[in-house]
Amino acid sequence: VFEDTGKGFNTLGVPSDRDAANVELGFDVAVAPGGVFSLYYEGLFA
């Protein structure tokens, strides 16, 4: 609603996608007894 006039309207945002492909690549490294370091990339594509 416009504050000055009180007139209102509907606004529509950017539509999202119905279906998408999810891809993840990475690795774990055992760096110490009981300790694990990980680095990953994740992508969502539609």
All heavy atoms as atom14 arrays in JSON, in Angstrom:
{
  "sequence": "VFEDTGKGFNTLGVPSDRDAANVELGFDVAVAPGGVFSLYYEGLFA",
  "atom14_mask": [
    [1, 1, 1, 1, 1, 1, 1, 0, 0, 0, 0, 0, 0, 0],
    [1, 1, 1, 1, 1, 1, 1, 1, 1, 1, 1, 0, 0, 0],
    [1, 1, 1, 1, 1, 1, 1, 1, 1, 0, 0, 0, 0, 0],
    [1, 1, 1, 1, 1, 1, 1, 1, 0, 0, 0, 0, 0, 0],
    [1, 1, 1, 1, 1, 1, 1, 0, 0, 0, 0, 0, 0, 0],
    [1, 1, 1, 1, 0, 0, 0, 0, 0, 0, 0, 0, 0, 0],
    [1, 1, 1, 1, 1, 1, 1, 1, 1, 0, 0, 0, 0, 0],
    [1, 1, 1, 1, 0, 0, 0, 0, 0, 0, 0, 0, 0, 0],
    [1, 1, 1, 1, 1, 1, 1, 1, 1, 1, 1, 0, 0, 0],
    [1, 1, 1, 1, 1, 1, 1, 1, 0, 0, 0, 0, 0, 0],
    [1, 1, 1, 1, 1, 1, 1, 0, 0, 0, 0, 0, 0, 0],
    [1, 1, 1, 1, 1, 1, 1, 1, 0, 0, 0, 0, 0, 0],
    [1, 1, 1, 1, 0, 0, 0, 0, 0, 0, 0, 0, 0, 0],
    [1, 1, 1, 1, 1, 1, 1, 0, 0, 0, 0, 0, 0, 0],
    [1, 1, 1, 1, 1, 1, 1, 0, 0, 0, 0, 0, 0, 0],
    [1, 1, 1, 1, 1, 1, 0, 0, 0, 0, 0, 0, 0, 0],
    [1, 1, 1, 1, 1, 1, 1, 1, 0, 0, 0, 0, 0, 0],
    [1, 1, 1, 1, 1, 1, 1, 1, 1, 1, 1, 0, 0, 0],
    [1, 1, 1, 1, 1, 1, 1, 1, 0, 0, 0, 0, 0, 0],
    [1, 1, 1, 1, 1, 0, 0, 0, 0, 0, 0, 0, 0, 0],
    [1, 1, 1, 1, 1, 0, 0, 0, 0, 0, 0, 0, 0, 0],
    [1, 1, 1, 1, 1, 1, 1, 1, 0, 0, 0, 0, 0, 0],
    [1, 1, 1, 1, 1, 1, 1, 0, 0, 0, 0, 0, 0, 0],
    [1, 1, 1, 1, 1, 1, 1, 1, 1, 0, 0, 0, 0, 0],
    [1, 1, 1, 1, 1, 1, 1, 1, 0, 0, 0, 0, 0, 0],
    [1, 1, 1, 1, 0, 0, 0, 0, 0, 0, 0, 0, 0, 0],
    [1, 1, 1, 1, 1, 1, 1, 1, 1, 1, 1, 0, 0, 0],
    [1, 1, 1, 1, 1, 1, 1, 1, 0, 0, 0, 0, 0, 0],
    [1, 1, 1, 1, 1, 1, 1, 0, 0, 0, 0, 0, 0, 0],
    [1, 1, 1, 1, 1, 0, 0, 0, 0, 0, 0, 0, 0, 0],
    [1, 1, 1, 1, 1, 1, 1, 0, 0, 0, 0, 0, 0, 0],
    [1, 1, 1, 1, 1, 0, 0, 0, 0, 0, 0, 0, 0, 0],
    [1, 1, 1, 1, 1, 1, 1, 0, 0, 0, 0, 0, 0, 0],
    [1, 1, 1, 1, 0, 0, 0, 0, 0, 0, 0, 0, 0, 0],
    [1, 1, 1, 1, 0, 0, 0, 0, 0, 0, 0, 0, 0, 0],
    [1, 1, 1, 1, 1, 1, 1, 0, 0, 0, 0, 0, 0, 0],
    [1, 1, 1, 1, 1, 1, 1, 1, 1, 1, 1, 0, 0, 0],
    [1, 1, 1, 1, 1, 1, 0, 0, 0, 0, 0, 0, 0, 0],
    [1, 1, 1, 1, 1, 1, 1, 1, 0, 0, 0, 0, 0, 0],
    [1, 1, 1, 1, 1, 1, 1, 1, 1, 1, 1, 1, 0, 0],
    [1, 1, 1, 1, 1, 1, 1, 1, 1, 1, 1, 1, 0, 0],
    [1, 1, 1, 1, 1, 1, 1, 1, 1, 0, 0, 0, 0, 0],
    [1, 1, 1, 1, 0, 0, 0, 0, 0, 0, 0, 0, 0, 0],
    [1, 1, 1, 1, 1, 1, 1, 1, 0, 0, 0, 0, 0, 0],
    [1, 1, 1, 1, 1, 1, 1, 1, 1, 1, 1, 0, 0, 0],
    [1, 1, 1, 1, 1, 0, 0, 0, 0, 0, 0, 0, 0, 0]
  ],
  "atom14_positions": [
    [[0.85, -1.19, 0.0], [0.0, 0.0, 0.0], [0.88, 1.24, 0.0], [1.85, 1.32, 0.77], [-0.93, 0.01, 1.23], [-1.74, 1.31, 1.28], [-1.84, -1.2, 1.23], [0.0, 0.0, 0.0], [0.0, 0.0, 0.0], [0.0, 0.0, 0.0], [0.0, 0.0, 0.0], [0.0, 0.0, 0.0], [0.0, 0.0, 0.0], [0.0, 0.0, 0.0]],
    [[0.56, 2.22, -0.85], [1.25, 3.52, -0.8], [0.82, 4.26, 0.46], [-0.39, 4.41, 0.72], [0.9, 4.35, -2.03], [1.64, 3.93, -3.27], [0.99, 3.24, -4.28], [2.99, 4.24, -3.43], [1.67, 2.86, -5.44], [3.67, 3.86, -4.56], [3.01, 3.17, -5.57], [0.0, 0.0, 0.0], [0.0, 0.0, 0.0], [0.0, 0.0, 0.0]],
    [[1.78, 4.71, 1.26], [1.46, 5.37, 2.52], [0.73, 6.69, 2.3], [-0.17, 7.05, 3.08], [2.75, 5.61, 3.32], [3.41, 4.33, 3.79], [4.64, 4.61, 4.62], [4.81, 5.74, 5.09], [5.44, 3.68, 4.81], [0.0, 0.0, 0.0], [0.0, 0.0, 0.0], [0.0, 0.0, 0.0], [0.0, 0.0, 0.0], [0.0, 0.0, 0.0]],
    [[1.08, 7.44, 1.27], [0.47, 8.75, 1.04], [-0.98, 8.66, 0.59], [-1.83, 9.44, 1.02], [1.28, 9.54, 0.01], [2.51, 10.2, 0.62], [2.71, 10.03, 1.84], [3.26, 10.85, -0.13], [0.0, 0.0, 0.0], [0.0, 0.0, 0.0], [0.0, 0.0, 0.0], [0.0, 0.0, 0.0], [0.0, 0.0, 0.0], [0.0, 0.0, 0.0]],
    [[-1.27, 7.71, -0.3], [-2.6, 7.66, -0.92], [-3.48, 6.55, -0.36], [-4.71, 6.6, -0.53], [-2.47, 7.46, -2.44], [-1.87, 6.18, -2.7], [-1.61, 8.56, -3.06], [0.0, 0.0, 0.0], [0.0, 0.0, 0.0], [0.0, 0.0, 0.0], [0.0, 0.0, 0.0], [0.0, 0.0, 0.0], [0.0, 0.0, 0.0], [0.0, 0.0, 0.0]],
    [[-2.88, 5.54, 0.26], [-3.65, 4.41, 0.76], [-4.06, 3.42, -0.32], [-4.75, 2.44, -0.05], [0.0, 0.0, 0.0], [0.0, 0.0, 0.0], [0.0, 0.0, 0.0], [0.0, 0.0, 0.0], [0.0, 0.0, 0.0], [0.0, 0.0, 0.0], [0.0, 0.0, 0.0], [0.0, 0.0, 0.0], [0.0, 0.0, 0.0], [0.0, 0.0, 0.0]],
    [[-3.62, 3.64, -1.56], [-3.96, 2.71, -2.64], [-3.02, 1.51, -2.6], [-1.82, 1.65, -2.37], [-3.85, 3.42, -3.99], [-4.91, 4.49, -4.2], [-4.83, 5.09, -5.59], [-5.94, 6.12, -5.81], [-5.89, 6.71, -7.16], [0.0, 0.0, 0.0], [0.0, 0.0, 0.0], [0.0, 0.0, 0.0], [0.0, 0.0, 0.0], [0.0, 0.0, 0.0]],
    [[-3.59, 0.33, -2.81], [-2.81, -0.89, -2.73], [-2.72, -1.62, -4.06], [-3.45, -1.34, -5.01], [0.0, 0.0, 0.0], [0.0, 0.0, 0.0], [0.0, 0.0, 0.0], [0.0, 0.0, 0.0], [0.0, 0.0, 0.0], [0.0, 0.0, 0.0], [0.0, 0.0, 0.0], [0.0, 0.0, 0.0], [0.0, 0.0, 0.0], [0.0, 0.0, 0.0]],
    [[-1.79, -2.56, -4.12], [-1.59, -3.35, -5.34], [-0.86, -4.63, -4.96], [-0.18, -4.72, -3.94], [-0.78, -2.56, -6.37], [0.6, -2.16, -5.88], [1.71, -2.96, -6.16], [0.78, -1.0, -5.14], [2.97, -2.6, -5.71], [2.04, -0.64, -4.68], [3.13, -1.43, -4.97], [0.0, 0.0, 0.0], [0.0, 0.0, 0.0], [0.0, 0.0, 0.0]],
    [[-1.0, -5.64, -5.82], [-0.27, -6.89, -5.65], [1.08, -6.79, -6.36], [1.17, -6.2, -7.44], [-1.05, -8.07, -6.24], [-2.14, -8.55, -5.31], [-1.95, -8.61, -4.1], [-3.29, -8.89, -5.87], [0.0, 0.0, 0.0], [0.0, 0.0, 0.0], [0.0, 0.0, 0.0], [0.0, 0.0, 0.0], [0.0, 0.0, 0.0], [0.0, 0.0, 0.0]],
    [[2.12, -7.34, -5.74], [3.42, -7.39, -6.37], [3.88, -8.84, -6.43], [3.67, -9.62, -5.49], [4.45, -6.54, -5.61], [5.72, -6.66, -6.24], [4.59, -6.99, -4.17], [0.0, 0.0, 0.0], [0.0, 0.0, 0.0], [0.0, 0.0, 0.0], [0.0, 0.0, 0.0], [0.0, 0.0, 0.0], [0.0, 0.0, 0.0], [0.0, 0.0, 0.0]],
    [[4.48, -9.23, -7.55], [4.94, -10.59, -7.77], [6.45, -10.6, -7.88], [7.03, -9.78, -8.58], [4.32, -11.17, -9.06], [2.79, -11.19, -9.12], [2.32, -11.69, -10.48], [2.22, -12.06, -8.0], [0.0, 0.0, 0.0], [0.0, 0.0, 0.0], [0.0, 0.0, 0.0], [0.0, 0.0, 0.0], [0.0, 0.0, 0.0], [0.0, 0.0, 0.0]],
    [[7.09, -11.54, -7.2], [8.55, -11.64, -7.22], [9.05, -12.55, -8.32], [8.3, -13.0, -9.19], [0.0, 0.0, 0.0], [0.0, 0.0, 0.0], [0.0, 0.0, 0.0], [0.0, 0.0, 0.0], [0.0, 0.0, 0.0], [0.0, 0.0, 0.0], [0.0, 0.0, 0.0], [0.0, 0.0, 0.0], [0.0, 0.0, 0.0], [0.0, 0.0, 0.0]],
    [[10.34, -12.84, -8.27], [10.96, -13.73, -9.25], [10.51, -15.16, -8.97], [10.63, -15.64, -7.85], [12.5, -13.64, -9.18], [13.12, -14.51, -10.25], [12.94, -12.2, -9.34], [0.0, 0.0, 0.0], [0.0, 0.0, 0.0], [0.0, 0.0, 0.0], [0.0, 0.0, 0.0], [0.0, 0.0, 0.0], [0.0, 0.0, 0.0], [0.0, 0.0, 0.0]],
    [[10.01, -15.88, -9.98], [9.58, -17.26, -9.73], [10.77, -18.19, -9.57], [11.81, -18.02, -10.2], [8.79, -17.61, -11.0], [9.38, -16.74, -12.07], [9.78, -15.47, -11.37], [0.0, 0.0, 0.0], [0.0, 0.0, 0.0], [0.0, 0.0, 0.0], [0.0, 0.0, 0.0], [0.0, 0.0, 0.0], [0.0, 0.0, 0.0], [0.0, 0.0, 0.0]],
    [[10.62, -19.18, -8.69], [11.64, -20.21, -8.54], [11.31, -21.37, -9.48], [10.26, -21.4, -10.12], [11.71, -20.69, -7.09], [10.47, -21.14, -6.65], [0.0, 0.0, 0.0], [0.0, 0.0, 0.0], [0.0, 0.0, 0.0], [0.0, 0.0, 0.0], [0.0, 0.0, 0.0], [0.0, 0.0, 0.0], [0.0, 0.0, 0.0], [0.0, 0.0, 0.0]],
    [[12.2, -22.34, -9.55], [12.04, -23.45, -10.48], [11.36, -24.64, -9.81], [11.55, -24.9, -8.61], [13.41, -23.9, -11.01], [14.02, -22.85, -11.92], [13.52, -22.68, -13.04], [15.0, -22.21, -11.5], [0.0, 0.0, 0.0], [0.0, 0.0, 0.0], [0.0, 0.0, 0.0], [0.0, 0.0, 0.0], [0.0, 0.0, 0.0], [0.0, 0.0, 0.0]],
    [[10.58, -25.37, -10.59], [9.91, -26.55, -10.07], [10.9, -27.7, -9.85], [10.8, -28.42, -8.85], [8.81, -26.98, -11.06], [8.04, -28.21, -10.66], [7.09, -27.92, -9.51], [6.0, -27.04, -9.91], [5.09, -26.54, -9.08], [5.15, -26.84, -7.79], [4.14, -25.74, -9.5], [0.0, 0.0, 0.0], [0.0, 0.0, 0.0], [0.0, 0.0, 0.0]],
    [[11.84, -27.87, -10.77], [12.79, -28.97, -10.68], [14.21, -28.44, -10.82], [14.46, -27.48, -11.56], [12.53, -30.01, -11.78], [11.17, -30.66, -11.64], [11.02, -31.48, -10.73], [10.27, -30.32, -12.42], [0.0, 0.0, 0.0], [0.0, 0.0, 0.0], [0.0, 0.0, 0.0], [0.0, 0.0, 0.0], [0.0, 0.0, 0.0], [0.0, 0.0, 0.0]],
    [[15.14, -29.07, -10.11], [16.54, -28.64, -10.14], [17.45, -29.84, -9.96], [17.06, -30.85, -9.34], [16.81, -27.6, -9.06], [0.0, 0.0, 0.0], [0.0, 0.0, 0.0], [0.0, 0.0, 0.0], [0.0, 0.0, 0.0], [0.0, 0.0, 0.0], [0.0, 0.0, 0.0], [0.0, 0.0, 0.0], [0.0, 0.0, 0.0], [0.0, 0.0, 0.0]],
    [[18.66, -29.74, -10.48], [19.69, -30.76, -10.29], [20.62, -30.3, -9.17], [21.07, -29.16, -9.17], [20.47, -30.97, -11.58], [0.0, 0.0, 0.0], [0.0, 0.0, 0.0], [0.0, 0.0, 0.0], [0.0, 0.0, 0.0], [0.0, 0.0, 0.0], [0.0, 0.0, 0.0], [0.0, 0.0, 0.0], [0.0, 0.0, 0.0], [0.0, 0.0, 0.0]],
    [[20.89, -31.19, -8.24], [21.78, -30.9, -7.11], [23.05, -31.72, -7.27], [23.0, -32.95, -7.38], [21.07, -31.26, -5.8], [21.8, -30.73, -4.59], [22.92, -30.25, -4.68], [21.16, -30.82, -3.44], [0.0, 0.0, 0.0], [0.0, 0.0, 0.0], [0.0, 0.0, 0.0], [0.0, 0.0, 0.0], [0.0, 0.0, 0.0], [0.0, 0.0, 0.0]],
    [[24.2, -31.03, -7.29], [25.49, -31.69, -7.48], [26.42, -31.29, -6.34], [26.5, -30.1, -6.0], [26.13, -31.3, -8.84], [27.48, -31.97, -9.01], [25.2, -31.65, -9.99], [0.0, 0.0, 0.0], [0.0, 0.0, 0.0], [0.0, 0.0, 0.0], [0.0, 0.0, 0.0], [0.0, 0.0, 0.0], [0.0, 0.0, 0.0], [0.0, 0.0, 0.0]],
    [[27.11, -32.26, -5.77], [28.05, -31.98, -4.69], [29.34, -32.76, -4.91], [29.31, -33.96, -5.22], [27.44, -32.36, -3.35], [28.29, -32.0, -2.14], [27.6, -32.31, -0.83], [26.55, -31.69, -0.55], [28.1, -33.19, -0.1], [0.0, 0.0, 0.0], [0.0, 0.0, 0.0], [0.0, 0.0, 0.0], [0.0, 0.0, 0.0], [0.0, 0.0, 0.0]],
    [[30.48, -32.08, -4.75], [31.79, -32.7, -4.89], [32.67, -32.23, -3.74], [32.64, -31.06, -3.36], [32.44, -32.3, -6.22], [31.71, -32.7, -7.5], [32.35, -32.03, -8.71], [31.71, -34.21, -7.67], [0.0, 0.0, 0.0], [0.0, 0.0, 0.0], [0.0, 0.0, 0.0], [0.0, 0.0, 0.0], [0.0, 0.0, 0.0], [0.0, 0.0, 0.0]],
    [[33.47, -33.15, -3.18], [34.35, -32.76, -2.1], [35.16, -33.92, -1.59], [35.17, -35.02, -2.17], [0.0, 0.0, 0.0], [0.0, 0.0, 0.0], [0.0, 0.0, 0.0], [0.0, 0.0, 0.0], [0.0, 0.0, 0.0], [0.0, 0.0, 0.0], [0.0, 0.0, 0.0], [0.0, 0.0, 0.0], [0.0, 0.0, 0.0], [0.0, 0.0, 0.0]],
    [[35.83, -33.7, -0.47], [36.66, -34.75, 0.11], [36.82, -34.53, 1.61], [36.69, -33.42, 2.12], [38.04, -34.79, -0.56], [38.83, -33.51, -0.42], [39.63, -33.29, 0.68], [38.74, -32.52, -1.39], [40.35, -32.1, 0.82], [39.45, -31.34, -1.26], [40.26, -31.12, -0.15], [0.0, 0.0, 0.0], [0.0, 0.0, 0.0], [0.0, 0.0, 0.0]],
    [[37.09, -35.64, 2.31], [37.42, -35.64, 3.73], [38.89, -36.01, 3.88], [39.39, -36.87, 3.15], [36.57, -36.64, 4.52], [35.09, -36.34, 4.44], [34.73, -35.19, 4.15], [34.29, -37.28, 4.66], [0.0, 0.0, 0.0], [0.0, 0.0, 0.0], [0.0, 0.0, 0.0], [0.0, 0.0, 0.0], [0.0, 0.0, 0.0], [0.0, 0.0, 0.0]],
    [[39.56, -35.38, 4.84], [40.96, -35.7, 5.13], [41.09, -35.95, 6.63], [40.71, -35.09, 7.44], [41.92, -34.57, 4.71], [43.36, -34.98, 4.99], [41.74, -34.23, 3.24], [0.0, 0.0, 0.0], [0.0, 0.0, 0.0], [0.0, 0.0, 0.0], [0.0, 0.0, 0.0], [0.0, 0.0, 0.0], [0.0, 0.0, 0.0], [0.0, 0.0, 0.0]],
    [[41.62, -37.13, 7.0], [41.89, -37.43, 8.4], [43.19, -36.73, 8.78], [44.27, -37.14, 8.36], [42.0, -38.93, 8.62], [0.0, 0.0, 0.0], [0.0, 0.0, 0.0], [0.0, 0.0, 0.0], [0.0, 0.0, 0.0], [0.0, 0.0, 0.0], [0.0, 0.0, 0.0], [0.0, 0.0, 0.0], [0.0, 0.0, 0.0], [0.0, 0.0, 0.0]],
    [[43.09, -35.64, 9.54], [44.26, -34.8, 9.84], [44.86, -35.09, 11.21], [45.96, -34.63, 11.52], [43.89, -33.3, 9.75], [43.53, -32.94, 8.32], [42.74, -32.96, 10.69], [0.0, 0.0, 0.0], [0.0, 0.0, 0.0], [0.0, 0.0, 0.0], [0.0, 0.0, 0.0], [0.0, 0.0, 0.0], [0.0, 0.0, 0.0], [0.0, 0.0, 0.0]],
    [[44.15, -35.82, 12.08], [44.64, -36.13, 13.42], [43.79, -37.26, 13.96], [42.71, -37.55, 13.41], [44.56, -34.9, 14.33], [0.0, 0.0, 0.0], [0.0, 0.0, 0.0], [0.0, 0.0, 0.0], [0.0, 0.0, 0.0], [0.0, 0.0, 0.0], [0.0, 0.0, 0.0], [0.0, 0.0, 0.0], [0.0, 0.0, 0.0], [0.0, 0.0, 0.0]],
    [[44.24, -37.93, 15.02], [43.4, -38.97, 15.62], [42.03, -38.41, 16.02], [41.93, -37.52, 16.86], [44.21, -39.41, 16.85], [45.62, -39.09, 16.5], [45.55, -37.83, 15.69], [0.0, 0.0, 0.0], [0.0, 0.0, 0.0], [0.0, 0.0, 0.0], [0.0, 0.0, 0.0], [0.0, 0.0, 0.0], [0.0, 0.0, 0.0], [0.0, 0.0, 0.0]],
    [[41.0, -38.89, 15.35], [39.65, -38.42, 15.64], [39.27, -37.14, 14.94], [38.13, -36.7, 15.03], [0.0, 0.0, 0.0], [0.0, 0.0, 0.0], [0.0, 0.0, 0.0], [0.0, 0.0, 0.0], [0.0, 0.0, 0.0], [0.0, 0.0, 0.0], [0.0, 0.0, 0.0], [0.0, 0.0, 0.0], [0.0, 0.0, 0.0], [0.0, 0.0, 0.0]],
    [[40.2, -36.49, 14.22], [39.91, -35.22, 13.55], [39.8, -35.38, 12.05], [40.63, -36.04, 11.42], [0.0, 0.0, 0.0], [0.0, 0.0, 0.0], [0.0, 0.0, 0.0], [0.0, 0.0, 0.0], [0.0, 0.0, 0.0], [0.0, 0.0, 0.0], [0.0, 0.0, 0.0], [0.0, 0.0, 0.0], [0.0, 0.0, 0.0], [0.0, 0.0, 0.0]],
    [[38.77, -34.77, 11.46], [38.54, -34.84, 10.01], [38.28, -33.44, 9.47], [37.43, -32.71, 9.99], [37.35, -35.76, 9.67], [37.09, -35.76, 8.16], [37.6, -37.18, 10.16], [0.0, 0.0, 0.0], [0.0, 0.0, 0.0], [0.0, 0.0, 0.0], [0.0, 0.0, 0.0], [0.0, 0.0, 0.0], [0.0, 0.0, 0.0], [0.0, 0.0, 0.0]],
    [[39.02, -33.06, 8.42], [38.8, -31.8, 7.72], [38.1, -32.11, 6.4], [38.46, -33.06, 5.69], [40.15, -31.12, 7.45], [40.05, -29.94, 6.52], [39.69, -28.69, 6.99], [40.32, -30.09, 5.17], [39.59, -27.6, 6.14], [40.23, -29.01, 4.3], [39.87, -27.77, 4.79], [0.0, 0.0, 0.0], [0.0, 0.0, 0.0], [0.0, 0.0, 0.0]],
    [[37.09, -31.3, 6.04], [36.32, -31.53, 4.82], [36.18, -30.24, 4.04], [36.05, -29.16, 4.62], [34.92, -32.07, 5.15], [34.98, -33.23, 5.95], [0.0, 0.0, 0.0], [0.0, 0.0, 0.0], [0.0, 0.0, 0.0], [0.0, 0.0, 0.0], [0.0, 0.0, 0.0], [0.0, 0.0, 0.0], [0.0, 0.0, 0.0], [0.0, 0.0, 0.0]],
    [[36.18, -30.36, 2.71], [35.96, -29.24, 1.8], [35.0, -29.7, 0.72], [35.26, -30.71, 0.06], [37.27, -28.76, 1.19], [37.18, -27.6, 0.19], [36.69, -26.34, 0.87], [38.54, -27.35, -0.47], [0.0, 0.0, 0.0], [0.0, 0.0, 0.0], [0.0, 0.0, 0.0], [0.0, 0.0, 0.0], [0.0, 0.0, 0.0], [0.0, 0.0, 0.0]],
    [[33.9, -28.95, 0.54], [32.87, -29.36, -0.41], [32.37, -28.18, -1.25], [32.29, -27.05, -0.75], [31.66, -29.96, 0.32], [31.9, -31.32, 0.91], [32.31, -31.45, 2.23], [31.71, -32.47, 0.16], [32.55, -32.7, 2.79], [31.94, -33.72, 0.7], [32.36, -33.83, 2.01], [32.58, -35.06, 2.56], [0.0, 0.0, 0.0], [0.0, 0.0, 0.0]],
    [[32.0, -28.49, -2.49], [31.26, -27.56, -3.35], [29.9, -28.18, -3.63], [29.8, -29.36, -3.94], [31.99, -27.32, -4.67], [31.08, -26.71, -5.71], [30.79, -25.34, -5.71], [30.45, -27.52, -6.67], [29.91, -24.79, -6.63], [29.58, -26.97, -7.61], [29.31, -25.61, -7.59], [28.44, -25.07, -8.49], [0.0, 0.0, 0.0], [0.0, 0.0, 0.0]],
    [[28.86, -27.37, -3.51], [27.51, -27.81, -3.84], [26.88, -26.85, -4.83], [26.95, -25.63, -4.64], [26.64, -27.91, -2.59], [25.23, -28.43, -2.88], [24.37, -28.55, -1.64], [24.88, -28.25, -0.54], [23.19, -28.94, -1.76], [0.0, 0.0, 0.0], [0.0, 0.0, 0.0], [0.0, 0.0, 0.0], [0.0, 0.0, 0.0], [0.0, 0.0, 0.0]],
    [[26.28, -27.38, -5.89], [25.63, -26.55, -6.89], [24.19, -26.99, -7.13], [23.89, -28.19, -7.15], [0.0, 0.0, 0.0], [0.0, 0.0, 0.0], [0.0, 0.0, 0.0], [0.0, 0.0, 0.0], [0.0, 0.0, 0.0], [0.0, 0.0, 0.0], [0.0, 0.0, 0.0], [0.0, 0.0, 0.0], [0.0, 0.0, 0.0], [0.0, 0.0, 0.0]],
    [[23.31, -26.01, -7.28], [21.91, -26.26, -7.61], [21.64, -25.58, -8.95], [21.81, -24.36, -9.08], [21.0, -25.69, -6.52], [19.55, -26.16, -6.5], [19.47, -27.65, -6.17], [18.73, -25.36, -5.5], [0.0, 0.0, 0.0], [0.0, 0.0, 0.0], [0.0, 0.0, 0.0], [0.0, 0.0, 0.0], [0.0, 0.0, 0.0], [0.0, 0.0, 0.0]],
    [[21.23, -26.37, -9.95], [21.1, -25.86, -11.31], [19.7, -26.15, -11.85], [19.22, -27.28, -11.77], [22.15, -26.51, -12.22], [23.56, -26.31, -11.77], [24.21, -27.27, -11.02], [24.24, -25.13, -12.08], [25.51, -27.08, -10.59], [25.54, -24.93, -11.65], [26.17, -25.9, -10.91], [0.0, 0.0, 0.0], [0.0, 0.0, 0.0], [0.0, 0.0, 0.0]],
    [[19.06, -25.09, -12.38], [17.74, -25.21, -12.97], [17.61, -24.19, -14.09], [18.56, -23.48, -14.42], [16.66, -25.0, -11.9], [0.0, 0.0, 0.0], [0.0, 0.0, 0.0], [0.0, 0.0, 0.0], [0.0, 0.0, 0.0], [0.0, 0.0, 0.0], [0.0, 0.0, 0.0], [0.0, 0.0, 0.0], [0.0, 0.0, 0.0], [0.0, 0.0, 0.0]]
  ]
}
